[in-house]
Amino acid sequence: MERIAVIADIHGNIPALEAVLADIRARGISRIFCLGDIVGKGPQPDLAVDICREVCEVVVKGNHDDIMSDDREHPKLPFLSWHRERLGPERLEYLKNLPGTHDFTFAGRNIRLYHASHVGVHHRVHMNAPEEDHEAMFTATDFTGNGFEPDTVGYGDIHQPFMKSRFGRVLFNAGSVGNPLDEPLAACVILESAAAGTVESFSLNVVRLPYDIERAVRIGANSDFPEDEQRPWQNELRTARYRFDPPSRTGRNI
């Protein structure tokens, strides 16, 4: 039996990352693939990068990783300079050079991983998107390249885990380790391959884990993390409600 843990969207939340990694180790899993957004939002982006570089076999670039490692500004991310200063030049260079996609074969399936979509790290496809948008996630583009035809696609970005299977193809989202926006539980996905006679089986399991949210809040409060960034961050952790959503809507992300 072979297993791979797929994590995404840590967002500088070390207590959540530590809880997920402890669970992965307890399961005896040594292969970890990360779907990006290691940084952004949370108060420990530097440590998040250092840990992921150490434990992850594969890391692809997320939208926050991309923005953080460029000179651009973003109207919804007013504290970029704080995060960039905390990260420092070497980590920013690491984020800048991350690949956009990763293709591999596992359990007899062709699997493609990326952060947001087949278009790029800033093109979002939600869980409730039209069927044609989900079908398009399997297509080759300038971003994904040609020569590999996935029958399984995994991504992050939307902070809500899900899986759907249609016509022999599987689309899944790994959810968010450090900034879940469906319920306040860290998420990851476990891919499993096992021999069943002469047939190789494939399974996918979503794992939800509690972690010490108040410790994550205290880490920010006891540091120089900008106060105006702390308030929406704390609320998202405690409620799993996106900071820019009106009260009647949940499950969006940036």
C-alpha atoms as a PDB file:
ATOM      1  CA  MET A   1       0.000   0.000   0.000  1.00  0.00           C
ATOM      2  CA  GLU A   2       1.259   3.452  -0.899  1.00  0.00           C
ATOM      3  CA  ARG A   3      -0.183   6.734   0.338  1.00  0.00           C
ATOM      4  CA  ILE A   4       0.335  10.410  -0.411  1.00  0.00           C
ATOM      5  CA  ALA A   5      -0.926  13.284   1.736  1.00  0.00           C
ATOM      6  CA  VAL A   6      -2.064  16.334  -0.211  1.00  0.00           C
ATOM      7  CA  ILE A   7      -2.132  19.618   1.698  1.00  0.00           C
ATOM      8  CA  ALA A   8      -2.954  23.160   0.586  1.00  0.00           C
ATOM      9  CA  ASP A   9      -3.464  26.719   1.767  1.00  0.00           C
ATOM     10  CA  ILE A  10      -1.445  26.805   4.971  1.00  0.00           C
ATOM     11  CA  HIS A  11      -1.443  30.623   5.012  1.00  0.00           C
ATOM     12  CA  GLY A  12       1.139  31.015   7.754  1.00  0.00           C
ATOM     13  CA  ASN A  13      -0.916  29.101  10.350  1.00  0.00           C
ATOM     14  CA  ILE A  14       1.643  26.969  12.170  1.00  0.00           C
ATOM     15  CA  PRO A  15      -0.618  25.360  14.828  1.00  0.00           C
ATOM     16  CA  ALA A  16      -2.859  24.040  12.055  1.00  0.00           C
ATOM     17  CA  LEU A  17       0.110  22.845   9.993  1.00  0.00           C
ATOM     18  CA  GLU A  18       1.635  21.092  12.992  1.00  0.00           C
ATOM     19  CA  ALA A  19      -1.655  19.291  13.726  1.00  0.00           C
ATOM     20  CA  VAL A  20      -1.985  18.080  10.145  1.00  0.00           C
ATOM     21  CA  LEU A  21       1.637  16.951   9.912  1.00  0.00           C
ATOM     22  CA  ALA A  22       1.334  15.078  13.225  1.00  0.00           C
ATOM     23  CA  ASP A  23      -1.696  13.209  11.880  1.00  0.00           C
ATOM     24  CA  ILE A  24       0.103  12.427   8.618  1.00  0.00           C
ATOM     25  CA  ARG A  25       3.078  11.020  10.550  1.00  0.00           C
ATOM     26  CA  ALA A  26       0.765   8.975  12.793  1.00  0.00           C
ATOM     27  CA  ARG A  27      -0.664   7.361   9.661  1.00  0.00           C
ATOM     28  CA  GLY A  28       2.816   6.370   8.583  1.00  0.00           C
ATOM     29  CA  ILE A  29       2.742   8.567   5.476  1.00  0.00           C
ATOM     30  CA  SER A  30       6.061   9.963   4.291  1.00  0.00           C
ATOM     31  CA  ARG A  31       5.068  11.548   0.958  1.00  0.00           C
ATOM     32  CA  ILE A  32       3.482  15.008   1.203  1.00  0.00           C
ATOM     33  CA  PHE A  33       2.473  17.158  -1.766  1.00  0.00           C
ATOM     34  CA  CYS A  34       1.549  20.814  -1.200  1.00  0.00           C
ATOM     35  CA  LEU A  35      -0.787  22.731  -3.510  1.00  0.00           C
ATOM     36  CA  GLY A  36       0.402  26.205  -2.637  1.00  0.00           C
ATOM     37  CA  ASP A  37      -0.534  29.282  -0.641  1.00  0.00           C
ATOM     38  CA  ILE A  38       1.976  28.496   2.043  1.00  0.00           C
ATOM     39  CA  VAL A  39       1.980  32.195   2.904  1.00  0.00           C
ATOM     40  CA  GLY A  40      -0.435  35.121   3.155  1.00  0.00           C
ATOM     41  CA  LYS A  41      -2.948  36.027   5.851  1.00  0.00           C
ATOM     42  CA  GLY A  42      -1.320  34.341   8.861  1.00  0.00           C
ATOM     43  CA  PRO A  43       1.446  35.603  11.170  1.00  0.00           C
ATOM     44  CA  GLN A  44       4.157  32.969  10.533  1.00  0.00           C
ATOM     45  CA  PRO A  45       4.798  32.817   6.785  1.00  0.00           C
ATOM     46  CA  ASP A  46       8.538  32.334   7.260  1.00  0.00           C
ATOM     47  CA  LEU A  47       8.157  29.251   9.435  1.00  0.00           C
ATOM     48  CA  ALA A  48       5.466  27.849   7.135  1.00  0.00           C
ATOM     49  CA  VAL A  49       7.846  28.065   4.174  1.00  0.00           C
ATOM     50  CA  ASP A  50      10.692  26.496   6.142  1.00  0.00           C
ATOM     51  CA  ILE A  51       8.541  23.564   7.287  1.00  0.00           C
ATOM     52  CA  CYS A  52       7.054  22.898   3.860  1.00  0.00           C
ATOM     53  CA  ARG A  53      10.473  22.997   2.227  1.00  0.00           C
ATOM     54  CA  GLU A  54      11.627  20.374   4.722  1.00  0.00           C
ATOM     55  CA  VAL A  55       8.701  17.935   4.657  1.00  0.00           C
ATOM     56  CA  CYS A  56       7.059  18.275   1.238  1.00  0.00           C
ATOM     57  CA  GLU A  57       8.208  16.217  -1.718  1.00  0.00           C
ATOM     58  CA  VAL A  58       6.268  18.478  -4.111  1.00  0.00           C
ATOM     59  CA  VAL A  59       5.172  22.106  -3.750  1.00  0.00           C
ATOM     60  CA  VAL A  60       3.327  24.078  -6.427  1.00  0.00           C
ATOM     61  CA  LYS A  61       2.799  27.820  -6.444  1.00  0.00           C
ATOM     62  CA  GLY A  62      -0.366  29.449  -5.101  1.00  0.00           C
ATOM     63  CA  ASN A  63      -1.813  32.881  -5.801  1.00  0.00           C
ATOM     64  CA  HIS A  64      -0.540  34.288  -2.498  1.00  0.00           C
ATOM     65  CA  ASP A  65       2.876  32.772  -3.098  1.00  0.00           C
ATOM     66  CA  ASP A  66       2.912  34.448  -6.505  1.00  0.00           C
ATOM     67  CA  ILE A  67       1.795  37.884  -5.290  1.00  0.00           C
ATOM     68  CA  MET A  68       4.116  37.760  -2.287  1.00  0.00           C
ATOM     69  CA  SER A  69       7.159  37.048  -4.451  1.00  0.00           C
ATOM     70  CA  ASP A  70       6.448  39.820  -6.972  1.00  0.00           C
ATOM     71  CA  ASP A  71       6.497  43.607  -6.676  1.00  0.00           C
ATOM     72  CA  ARG A  72       2.791  43.976  -7.320  1.00  0.00           C
ATOM     73  CA  GLU A  73       0.316  45.366  -4.828  1.00  0.00           C
ATOM     74  CA  HIS A  74      -3.188  44.047  -4.269  1.00  0.00           C
ATOM     75  CA  PRO A  75      -6.150  46.045  -2.923  1.00  0.00           C
ATOM     76  CA  LYS A  76      -7.339  43.152  -0.722  1.00  0.00           C
ATOM     77  CA  LEU A  77      -3.853  42.478   0.661  1.00  0.00           C
ATOM     78  CA  PRO A  78      -2.792  45.743   2.290  1.00  0.00           C
ATOM     79  CA  PHE A  79      -0.075  44.186   4.456  1.00  0.00           C
ATOM     80  CA  LEU A  80       2.140  42.713   1.768  1.00  0.00           C
ATOM     81  CA  SER A  81       5.190  44.641   2.961  1.00  0.00           C
ATOM     82  CA  TRP A  82       4.935  43.092   6.442  1.00  0.00           C
ATOM     83  CA  HIS A  83       4.733  39.567   5.013  1.00  0.00           C
ATOM     84  CA  ARG A  84       7.542  40.202   2.540  1.00  0.00           C
ATOM     85  CA  GLU A  85       9.808  41.579   5.240  1.00  0.00           C
ATOM     86  CA  ARG A  86       9.068  38.582   7.457  1.00  0.00           C
ATOM     87  CA  LEU A  87       9.852  36.166   4.612  1.00  0.00           C
ATOM     88  CA  GLY A  88      13.091  37.782   3.477  1.00  0.00           C
ATOM     89  CA  PRO A  89      14.764  37.627   0.051  1.00  0.00           C
ATOM     90  CA  GLU A  90      15.749  33.945   0.031  1.00  0.00           C
ATOM     91  CA  ARG A  91      12.278  32.609   0.856  1.00  0.00           C
ATOM     92  CA  LEU A  92      10.668  35.040  -1.601  1.00  0.00           C
ATOM     93  CA  GLU A  93      12.996  33.741  -4.304  1.00  0.00           C
ATOM     94  CA  TYR A  94      11.959  30.176  -3.415  1.00  0.00           C
ATOM     95  CA  LEU A  95       8.273  31.083  -3.757  1.00  0.00           C
ATOM     96  CA  LYS A  96       8.900  32.878  -7.032  1.00  0.00           C
ATOM     97  CA  ASN A  97      10.502  29.779  -8.573  1.00  0.00           C
ATOM     98  CA  LEU A  98       7.855  27.252  -7.555  1.00  0.00           C
ATOM     99  CA  PRO A  99       6.282  25.344 -10.469  1.00  0.00           C
ATOM    100  CA  GLY A 100       2.658  25.932 -11.387  1.00  0.00           C
ATOM    101  CA  THR A 101       1.685  22.276 -11.854  1.00  0.00           C
ATOM    102  CA  HIS A 102       2.809  18.759 -11.052  1.00  0.00           C
ATOM    103  CA  ASP A 103       1.907  15.674 -13.112  1.00  0.00           C
ATOM    104  CA  PHE A 104       2.492  12.115 -11.912  1.00  0.00           C
ATOM    105  CA  THR A 105       1.125   8.585 -12.137  1.00  0.00           C
ATOM    106  CA  PHE A 106      -0.255   6.910  -9.033  1.00  0.00           C
ATOM    107  CA  ALA A 107      -2.430   3.813  -8.600  1.00  0.00           C
ATOM    108  CA  GLY A 108      -2.734   3.513 -12.363  1.00  0.00           C
ATOM    109  CA  ARG A 109      -4.116   7.026 -12.667  1.00  0.00           C
ATOM    110  CA  ASN A 110      -2.684  10.110 -14.360  1.00  0.00           C
ATOM    111  CA  ILE A 111      -2.897  12.825 -11.713  1.00  0.00           C
ATOM    112  CA  ARG A 112      -2.411  16.548 -12.216  1.00  0.00           C
ATOM    113  CA  LEU A 113      -2.048  18.942  -9.286  1.00  0.00           C
ATOM    114  CA  TYR A 114      -2.173  22.733  -9.275  1.00  0.00           C
ATOM    115  CA  HIS A 115      -3.313  25.481  -6.969  1.00  0.00           C
ATOM    116  CA  ALA A 116      -6.346  27.078  -8.588  1.00  0.00           C
ATOM    117  CA  SER A 117      -7.123  25.895 -12.121  1.00  0.00           C
ATOM    118  CA  HIS A 118      -5.821  24.868 -15.528  1.00  0.00           C
ATOM    119  CA  VAL A 119      -5.662  28.576 -16.464  1.00  0.00           C
ATOM    120  CA  GLY A 120      -3.314  29.727 -13.693  1.00  0.00           C
ATOM    121  CA  VAL A 121      -2.899  30.490 -10.010  1.00  0.00           C
ATOM    122  CA  HIS A 122      -5.292  33.467 -10.109  1.00  0.00           C
ATOM    123  CA  HIS A 123      -8.190  31.793 -11.963  1.00  0.00           C
ATOM    124  CA  ARG A 124     -10.650  30.414  -9.415  1.00  0.00           C
ATOM    125  CA  VAL A 125     -13.098  27.527  -9.949  1.00  0.00           C
ATOM    126  CA  HIS A 126     -15.538  27.019  -7.092  1.00  0.00           C
ATOM    127  CA  MET A 127     -17.101  23.769  -5.924  1.00  0.00           C
ATOM    128  CA  ASN A 128     -20.512  24.866  -7.247  1.00  0.00           C
ATOM    129  CA  ALA A 129     -19.164  26.085 -10.607  1.00  0.00           C
ATOM    130  CA  PRO A 130     -20.971  24.954 -13.780  1.00  0.00           C
ATOM    131  CA  GLU A 131     -20.208  21.433 -14.985  1.00  0.00           C
ATOM    132  CA  GLU A 132     -18.380  22.735 -18.043  1.00  0.00           C
ATOM    133  CA  ASP A 133     -15.969  24.669 -15.792  1.00  0.00           C
ATOM    134  CA  HIS A 134     -15.119  21.492 -13.909  1.00  0.00           C
ATOM    135  CA  GLU A 135     -14.690  19.564 -17.166  1.00  0.00           C
ATOM    136  CA  ALA A 136     -12.280  22.230 -18.406  1.00  0.00           C
ATOM    137  CA  MET A 137      -9.981  21.567 -15.440  1.00  0.00           C
ATOM    138  CA  PHE A 138      -8.702  18.472 -17.270  1.00  0.00           C
ATOM    139  CA  THR A 139      -7.700  20.289 -20.460  1.00  0.00           C
ATOM    140  CA  ALA A 140      -4.200  21.221 -21.601  1.00  0.00           C
ATOM    141  CA  THR A 141      -3.349  24.922 -21.638  1.00  0.00           C
ATOM    142  CA  ASP A 142      -0.281  27.114 -21.866  1.00  0.00           C
ATOM    143  CA  PHE A 143      -0.197  26.935 -18.058  1.00  0.00           C
ATOM    144  CA  THR A 144      -0.356  23.128 -17.751  1.00  0.00           C
ATOM    145  CA  GLY A 145       1.535  22.203 -20.914  1.00  0.00           C
ATOM    146  CA  ASN A 146       0.802  19.342 -23.300  1.00  0.00           C
ATOM    147  CA  GLY A 147       1.813  15.684 -23.416  1.00  0.00           C
ATOM    148  CA  PHE A 148       0.014  14.500 -20.273  1.00  0.00           C
ATOM    149  CA  GLU A 149      -3.695  13.658 -20.131  1.00  0.00           C
ATOM    150  CA  PRO A 150      -4.941  13.594 -16.542  1.00  0.00           C
ATOM    151  CA  ASP A 151      -7.882  11.494 -15.465  1.00  0.00           C
ATOM    152  CA  THR A 152      -7.573  12.880 -11.919  1.00  0.00           C
ATOM    153  CA  VAL A 153      -7.094  16.548 -11.009  1.00  0.00           C
ATOM    154  CA  GLY A 154      -6.483  17.942  -7.540  1.00  0.00           C
ATOM    155  CA  TYR A 155      -6.380  21.597  -6.534  1.00  0.00           C
ATOM    156  CA  GLY A 156      -6.662  23.982  -3.583  1.00  0.00           C
ATOM    157  CA  ASP A 157      -7.496  27.714  -3.511  1.00  0.00           C
ATOM    158  CA  ILE A 158     -11.194  27.576  -2.562  1.00  0.00           C
ATOM    159  CA  HIS A 159     -10.598  26.370   1.034  1.00  0.00           C
ATOM    160  CA  GLN A 160     -13.409  23.793   0.797  1.00  0.00           C
ATOM    161  CA  PRO A 161     -12.603  20.107   0.257  1.00  0.00           C
ATOM    162  CA  PHE A 162     -14.742  18.110  -2.150  1.00  0.00           C
ATOM    163  CA  MET A 163     -14.544  15.221  -4.591  1.00  0.00           C
ATOM    164  CA  LYS A 164     -16.592  14.415  -7.669  1.00  0.00           C
ATOM    165  CA  SER A 165     -16.303  11.553 -10.122  1.00  0.00           C
ATOM    166  CA  ARG A 166     -17.777  11.575 -13.613  1.00  0.00           C
ATOM    167  CA  PHE A 167     -17.109   9.521 -16.730  1.00  0.00           C
ATOM    168  CA  GLY A 168     -14.075   7.847 -15.176  1.00  0.00           C
ATOM    169  CA  ARG A 169     -12.465  11.125 -14.150  1.00  0.00           C
ATOM    170  CA  VAL A 170     -11.989  12.465 -10.620  1.00  0.00           C
ATOM    171  CA  LEU A 171     -11.811  16.105  -9.572  1.00  0.00           C
ATOM    172  CA  PHE A 172     -10.929  16.848  -5.965  1.00  0.00           C
ATOM    173  CA  ASN A 173     -10.072  19.785  -3.758  1.00  0.00           C
ATOM    174  CA  ALA A 174      -7.754  19.366  -0.783  1.00  0.00           C
ATOM    175  CA  GLY A 175      -9.381  22.117   1.278  1.00  0.00           C
ATOM    176  CA  SER A 176      -7.241  24.284   3.527  1.00  0.00           C
ATOM    177  CA  VAL A 177      -4.862  23.438   6.333  1.00  0.00           C
ATOM    178  CA  GLY A 178      -4.655  26.889   7.867  1.00  0.00           C
ATOM    179  CA  ASN A 179      -7.665  28.874   6.640  1.00  0.00           C
ATOM    180  CA  PRO A 180     -10.680  26.575   6.141  1.00  0.00           C
ATOM    181  CA  LEU A 181     -13.802  28.396   4.988  1.00  0.00           C
ATOM    182  CA  ASP A 182     -16.463  25.742   5.419  1.00  0.00           C
ATOM    183  CA  GLU A 183     -15.926  24.656   9.030  1.00  0.00           C
ATOM    184  CA  PRO A 184     -13.128  25.542  11.468  1.00  0.00           C
ATOM    185  CA  LEU A 185     -11.238  22.272  11.044  1.00  0.00           C
ATOM    186  CA  ALA A 186      -7.948  21.824   9.218  1.00  0.00           C
ATOM    187  CA  ALA A 187      -8.216  19.717   6.071  1.00  0.00           C
ATOM    188  CA  CYS A 188      -6.061  17.497   3.905  1.00  0.00           C
ATOM    189  CA  VAL A 189      -6.567  14.652   1.453  1.00  0.00           C
ATOM    190  CA  ILE A 190      -5.014  11.179   1.540  1.00  0.00           C
ATOM    191  CA  LEU A 191      -4.483   9.356  -1.758  1.00  0.00           C
ATOM    192  CA  GLU A 192      -4.063   5.603  -1.395  1.00  0.00           C
ATOM    193  CA  SER A 193      -2.936   2.884  -3.759  1.00  0.00           C
ATOM    194  CA  ALA A 194      -3.268  -0.795  -2.871  1.00  0.00           C
ATOM    195  CA  ALA A 195      -2.934  -4.032  -4.808  1.00  0.00           C
ATOM    196  CA  ALA A 196      -6.157  -6.038  -4.989  1.00  0.00           C
ATOM    197  CA  GLY A 197      -5.082  -9.219  -6.717  1.00  0.00           C
ATOM    198  CA  THR A 198      -3.956  -8.183 -10.178  1.00  0.00           C
ATOM    199  CA  VAL A 199      -5.791  -4.853  -9.957  1.00  0.00           C
ATOM    200  CA  GLU A 200      -4.361  -1.684  -8.426  1.00  0.00           C
ATOM    201  CA  SER A 201      -7.007   0.150  -6.401  1.00  0.00           C
ATOM    202  CA  PHE A 202      -7.269   3.890  -5.843  1.00  0.00           C
ATOM    203  CA  SER A 203      -8.963   5.681  -2.973  1.00  0.00           C
ATOM    204  CA  LEU A 204      -9.240   9.278  -1.836  1.00  0.00           C
ATOM    205  CA  ASN A 205     -10.107  10.339   1.691  1.00  0.00           C
ATOM    206  CA  VAL A 206     -10.725  13.800   3.093  1.00  0.00           C
ATOM    207  CA  VAL A 207      -9.389  14.253   6.626  1.00  0.00           C
ATOM    208  CA  ARG A 208     -10.675  16.982   8.958  1.00  0.00           C
ATOM    209  CA  LEU A 209      -8.747  17.779  12.120  1.00  0.00           C
ATOM    210  CA  PRO A 210      -9.256  20.071  15.109  1.00  0.00           C
ATOM    211  CA  TYR A 211      -6.319  22.221  16.120  1.00  0.00           C
ATOM    212  CA  ASP A 212      -5.635  24.904  18.731  1.00  0.00           C
ATOM    213  CA  ILE A 213      -7.254  27.926  17.079  1.00  0.00           C
ATOM    214  CA  GLU A 214      -6.739  30.131  20.124  1.00  0.00           C
ATOM    215  CA  ARG A 215      -3.026  29.355  20.078  1.00  0.00           C
ATOM    216  CA  ALA A 216      -2.940  30.520  16.462  1.00  0.00           C
ATOM    217  CA  VAL A 217      -4.727  33.702  17.522  1.00  0.00           C
ATOM    218  CA  ARG A 218      -2.285  34.303  20.383  1.00  0.00           C
ATOM    219  CA  ILE A 219       0.739  33.879  18.134  1.00  0.00           C
ATOM    220  CA  GLY A 220      -0.468  36.784  16.039  1.00  0.00           C
ATOM    221  CA  ALA A 221      -1.526  38.887  19.024  1.00  0.00           C
ATOM    222  CA  ASN A 222       1.843  38.457  20.732  1.00  0.00           C
ATOM    223  CA  SER A 223       3.861  39.482  17.680  1.00  0.00           C
ATOM    224  CA  ASP A 224       4.165  42.553  15.490  1.00  0.00           C
ATOM    225  CA  PHE A 225       1.495  41.135  13.167  1.00  0.00           C
ATOM    226  CA  PRO A 226      -0.502  44.216  12.034  1.00  0.00           C
ATOM    227  CA  GLU A 227      -3.579  44.669  14.211  1.00  0.00           C
ATOM    228  CA  ASP A 228      -5.834  45.461  11.244  1.00  0.00           C
ATOM    229  CA  GLU A 229      -4.809  42.133   9.705  1.00  0.00           C
ATOM    230  CA  GLN A 230      -5.277  40.233  12.970  1.00  0.00           C
ATOM    231  CA  ARG A 231      -8.984  40.973  13.357  1.00  0.00           C
ATOM    232  CA  PRO A 232     -10.218  39.450  10.071  1.00  0.00           C
ATOM    233  CA  TRP A 233      -7.722  36.590  10.423  1.00  0.00           C
ATOM    234  CA  GLN A 234      -8.980  35.720  13.910  1.00  0.00           C
ATOM    235  CA  ASN A 235     -12.585  35.840  12.742  1.00  0.00           C
ATOM    236  CA  GLU A 236     -11.911  33.551   9.777  1.00  0.00           C
ATOM    237  CA  LEU A 237     -10.186  31.006  12.001  1.00  0.00           C
ATOM    238  CA  ARG A 238     -12.947  30.987  14.585  1.00  0.00           C
ATOM    239  CA  THR A 239     -15.962  31.083  12.274  1.00  0.00           C
ATOM    240  CA  ALA A 240     -14.708  29.712   8.922  1.00  0.00           C
ATOM    241  CA  ARG A 241     -16.426  32.701   7.311  1.00  0.00           C
ATOM    242  CA  TYR A 242     -14.541  34.593   4.610  1.00  0.00           C
ATOM    243  CA  ARG A 243     -13.752  38.182   5.586  1.00  0.00           C
ATOM    244  CA  PHE A 244     -15.245  39.727   2.427  1.00  0.00           C
ATOM    245  CA  ASP A 245     -18.470  37.706   2.417  1.00  0.00           C
ATOM    246  CA  PRO A 246     -21.772  39.298   3.391  1.00  0.00           C
ATOM    247  CA  PRO A 247     -23.423  37.591   6.383  1.00  0.00           C
ATOM    248  CA  SER A 248     -25.639  35.403   4.188  1.00  0.00           C
ATOM    249  CA  ARG A 249     -22.770  33.872   2.203  1.00  0.00           C
ATOM    250  CA  THR A 250     -19.783  31.722   3.136  1.00  0.00           C
ATOM    251  CA  GLY A 251     -17.048  29.733   1.502  1.00  0.00           C
ATOM    252  CA  ARG A 252     -15.167  32.297  -0.553  1.00  0.00           C
ATOM    253  CA  ASN A 253     -11.463  32.877  -0.393  1.00  0.00           C
ATOM    254  CA  ILE A 254      -8.568  34.943  -1.617  1.00  0.00           C
END
